[in-house]
Protein backbone atom coordinates (compact mmCIF):
# COMPACT_ATOMS: atom_id res chain seq x y z
CA UNK A 1 7.71 86.91 -35.94
CA UNK A 2 5.46 86.55 -38.98
CA UNK A 3 3.65 83.35 -39.97
CA UNK A 4 1.21 82.91 -42.86
CA UNK A 5 -0.84 80.04 -41.46
CA UNK A 6 -2.44 78.96 -44.74
CA UNK A 7 0.87 78.78 -46.61
CA UNK A 8 2.65 77.13 -43.69
CA UNK A 9 0.07 74.33 -43.55
CA UNK A 10 0.62 73.78 -47.27
CA UNK A 11 4.39 73.77 -46.69
CA UNK A 12 3.97 71.07 -44.03
CA UNK A 13 2.32 68.87 -46.66
CA UNK A 14 5.19 69.13 -49.14
CA UNK A 15 8.23 66.86 -49.20
CA UNK A 16 10.77 69.26 -50.68
CA UNK A 17 12.62 72.40 -49.71
CA UNK A 18 15.05 74.60 -51.62
CA UNK A 19 17.98 76.04 -49.68
CA UNK A 20 19.03 79.36 -51.20
CA UNK A 21 21.75 80.29 -48.73
CA UNK A 22 22.80 82.78 -46.08
CA UNK A 23 22.24 86.37 -47.13
CA UNK A 24 24.66 88.96 -45.68
CA UNK A 25 23.57 91.91 -47.83
CA UNK A 26 21.80 93.64 -44.90
CA UNK A 27 24.25 92.56 -42.19
CA UNK A 28 26.25 94.68 -39.78
CA UNK A 29 29.37 93.38 -38.03
CA UNK A 30 30.92 95.19 -35.09
CA UNK A 31 34.27 96.61 -36.15
CA UNK A 32 35.89 95.07 -33.08
CA UNK A 33 36.28 91.37 -33.83
CA UNK A 34 36.30 91.77 -37.60
CA UNK A 35 39.62 93.29 -38.64
CA UNK A 36 39.25 92.09 -42.22
CA UNK A 37 40.05 93.19 -45.74
CA UNK A 38 37.39 93.22 -48.46
CA UNK A 39 38.81 89.99 -49.89
CA UNK A 40 38.87 88.27 -46.49
CA UNK A 41 35.29 89.30 -45.80
CA UNK A 42 34.03 87.91 -49.11
CA UNK A 43 35.92 84.68 -48.52
CA UNK A 44 34.26 84.29 -45.11
CA UNK A 45 30.78 84.96 -46.47
CA UNK A 46 31.39 82.28 -49.10
CA UNK A 47 32.82 79.80 -46.56
CA UNK A 48 29.87 80.22 -44.20
CA UNK A 49 27.55 79.39 -47.09
CA UNK A 50 29.62 76.39 -48.13
CA UNK A 51 29.40 74.88 -44.65
CA UNK A 52 25.74 74.01 -45.16
CA UNK A 53 26.50 72.22 -48.43
CA UNK A 54 29.71 70.53 -47.32
CA UNK A 55 28.49 69.33 -43.90
CA UNK A 56 24.79 68.63 -44.38
CA UNK A 57 24.65 66.27 -41.40
CA UNK A 58 25.72 69.02 -39.03
CA UNK A 59 23.82 71.88 -40.70
CA UNK A 60 20.77 69.77 -41.42
CA UNK A 61 18.11 71.58 -43.43
CA UNK A 62 16.18 68.35 -44.02
CA UNK A 63 15.96 67.33 -40.37
CA UNK A 64 15.25 70.83 -39.09
CA UNK A 65 12.40 71.40 -41.54
CA UNK A 66 11.17 67.78 -41.72
CA UNK A 67 11.74 67.43 -45.46
CA UNK A 68 13.13 64.27 -47.10
CA UNK A 69 14.25 66.15 -50.22
CA UNK A 70 16.49 69.23 -50.24
CA UNK A 71 18.01 70.99 -53.22
CA UNK A 72 20.07 74.13 -53.27
CA UNK A 73 20.52 77.14 -55.49
CA UNK A 74 22.81 79.83 -54.09
CA UNK A 75 22.78 82.03 -57.20
CA UNK A 76 20.73 84.90 -55.75
CA UNK A 77 22.50 84.99 -52.38
CA UNK A 78 25.95 84.63 -53.95
CA UNK A 79 25.33 87.67 -56.12
CA UNK A 80 24.04 89.69 -53.15
CA UNK A 81 26.95 88.68 -50.92
CA UNK A 82 29.51 89.61 -53.60
CA UNK A 83 28.08 93.13 -53.58
CA UNK A 84 28.79 93.58 -49.84
CA UNK A 85 31.37 96.30 -49.17
CA UNK A 86 33.60 96.06 -46.10
CA UNK A 87 33.02 99.72 -45.17
CA UNK A 88 29.26 99.22 -45.28
CA UNK A 89 29.10 96.04 -43.23
CA UNK A 90 31.41 97.13 -40.38
CA UNK A 91 30.11 99.44 -37.66
CA UNK A 92 31.22 100.84 -34.32
CA UNK A 93 27.63 100.71 -33.08
CA UNK A 94 27.29 98.05 -30.39
CA UNK A 95 23.50 97.63 -30.28
CA UNK A 96 23.09 96.01 -33.68
CA UNK A 97 20.66 93.24 -32.75
CA UNK A 98 17.53 95.34 -33.43
CA UNK A 99 18.11 96.81 -36.86
CA UNK A 100 15.02 95.39 -38.58
CA UNK A 101 11.42 94.50 -37.82
CA UNK A 102 9.45 91.55 -39.22
CA UNK A 103 7.73 93.91 -41.66
CA UNK A 104 11.04 95.33 -42.91
CA UNK A 105 12.50 91.87 -43.54
CA UNK A 106 9.31 90.72 -45.31
CA UNK A 107 9.35 93.86 -47.46
CA UNK A 108 13.03 93.31 -48.34
CA UNK A 109 12.43 89.65 -49.21
CA UNK A 110 9.58 90.66 -51.52
CA UNK A 111 12.14 92.50 -53.69
CA UNK A 112 14.19 89.34 -54.30
CA UNK A 113 13.58 86.90 -57.14
CA UNK A 114 13.91 83.44 -55.67
CA UNK A 115 14.44 80.39 -57.90
CA UNK A 116 11.20 78.54 -58.61
CA UNK A 117 12.56 75.02 -59.02
CA UNK A 118 10.74 74.07 -55.80
CA UNK A 119 7.57 75.47 -54.27
CA UNK A 120 9.23 76.59 -51.03
CA UNK A 121 12.63 78.18 -50.51
CA UNK A 122 14.53 78.78 -47.28
CA UNK A 123 17.07 81.50 -46.60
CA UNK A 124 18.85 82.90 -43.55
CA UNK A 125 19.28 86.67 -43.52
CA UNK A 126 22.01 87.79 -41.13
CA UNK A 127 21.12 90.99 -39.32
CA UNK A 128 24.28 91.21 -37.23
CA UNK A 129 27.37 89.48 -35.92
CA UNK A 130 28.07 91.40 -32.74
CA UNK A 131 31.48 90.61 -31.28
CA UNK A 132 31.03 93.17 -28.50
CA UNK A 133 28.20 91.27 -26.82
CA UNK A 134 28.96 87.88 -28.43
CA UNK A 135 25.65 87.48 -30.22
CA UNK A 136 24.36 86.89 -33.74
CA UNK A 137 20.94 87.99 -34.98
CA UNK A 138 19.77 85.77 -37.85
CA UNK A 139 16.40 85.86 -39.61
CA UNK A 140 14.94 82.54 -40.78
CA UNK A 141 12.77 83.19 -43.82
CA UNK A 142 10.64 80.70 -45.71
CA UNK A 143 9.22 81.83 -49.07
CA UNK A 144 6.54 80.44 -51.37
CA UNK A 145 8.43 80.77 -54.66
CA UNK A 146 5.45 80.49 -57.01
CA UNK A 147 3.92 83.68 -55.60
CA UNK A 148 7.15 85.14 -54.10
CA UNK A 149 5.46 85.55 -50.73
CA UNK A 150 6.88 85.14 -47.23
CA UNK A 151 5.51 82.13 -45.36
CA UNK A 152 7.56 82.45 -42.19
CA UNK A 153 9.90 85.09 -40.83
CA UNK A 154 11.49 84.92 -37.38
CA UNK A 155 14.65 86.32 -35.81
CA UNK A 156 16.94 84.12 -33.71
CA UNK A 157 19.63 85.41 -31.35
CA UNK A 158 22.46 82.92 -30.85
CA UNK A 159 25.86 82.85 -29.13
CA UNK A 160 29.05 82.10 -31.07
CA UNK A 161 31.66 79.58 -29.94
CA UNK A 162 34.77 77.88 -31.26
CA UNK A 163 38.27 78.60 -32.48
CA UNK A 164 38.96 80.93 -35.39
CA UNK A 165 36.64 83.56 -36.80
CA UNK A 166 34.94 81.23 -39.32
CA UNK A 167 34.11 78.51 -36.82
CA UNK A 168 33.31 80.98 -34.04
CA UNK A 169 30.43 82.54 -35.98
CA UNK A 170 29.48 79.33 -37.80
CA UNK A 171 28.39 78.06 -34.40
CA UNK A 172 25.54 80.58 -34.42
CA UNK A 173 24.27 79.16 -37.72
CA UNK A 174 24.46 75.64 -36.31
CA UNK A 175 22.59 76.81 -33.19
CA UNK A 176 19.74 78.17 -35.33
CA UNK A 177 19.35 74.82 -37.10
CA UNK A 178 19.48 72.99 -33.77
CA UNK A 179 16.88 75.31 -32.23
CA UNK A 180 14.51 74.76 -35.16
CA UNK A 181 15.00 71.00 -35.10
CA UNK A 182 14.51 70.64 -31.34
CA UNK A 183 11.99 73.36 -30.49
CA UNK A 184 10.89 75.96 -32.99
CA UNK A 185 9.43 73.72 -35.68
CA UNK A 186 7.13 72.11 -33.10
CA UNK A 187 6.18 75.60 -31.90
CA UNK A 188 5.34 76.68 -35.47
CA UNK A 189 3.21 73.58 -35.96
CA UNK A 190 1.32 74.34 -32.76
CA UNK A 191 0.60 77.85 -34.01
CA UNK A 192 -1.37 76.40 -36.93
CA UNK A 193 -3.01 73.73 -34.79
CA UNK A 194 -0.76 70.88 -35.89
CA UNK A 195 1.55 70.61 -32.88
CA UNK A 196 2.81 67.25 -31.72
CA UNK A 197 1.13 65.84 -28.59
């Protein structure tokens, strides 16, 4: 993982966070488990993003990141996700949980122009949905929008669950939020000397 301690301490002292969505532009899905058309794939990418806006109590950005104020701007991620081609995202390769390093994700994020309506923006970058081993690899990335610099970058591996392809993989997104709320945020605070006793 990557953590800019100085920027993270500043982030802890702010009350607001901007949610910019779930980015699938670098994702790989195992071909088995995703027999989808281009249209079906785009609909799913949109629906997974809408879950966070439509069920904010379940997918709780505010609680997970300890911020009383949350706004959202999905414009950048929506454009990126619409560019995803079904033939590019699907793969027969089973070991798709180690496609990117921290440095590669940080370098990719530096090429994006995040909205600057709030000082800090949060995005999830999906690395893979792997139906073969029932695992999702999702990067949590926090960005300082005024300088377009990564504050935090960490990959989470989570198991899917549920009925239907949308809900099955949505569980992994929920599990990331739950992990951050219950464990990881406290761990991040402790890394900058502000852990709870």
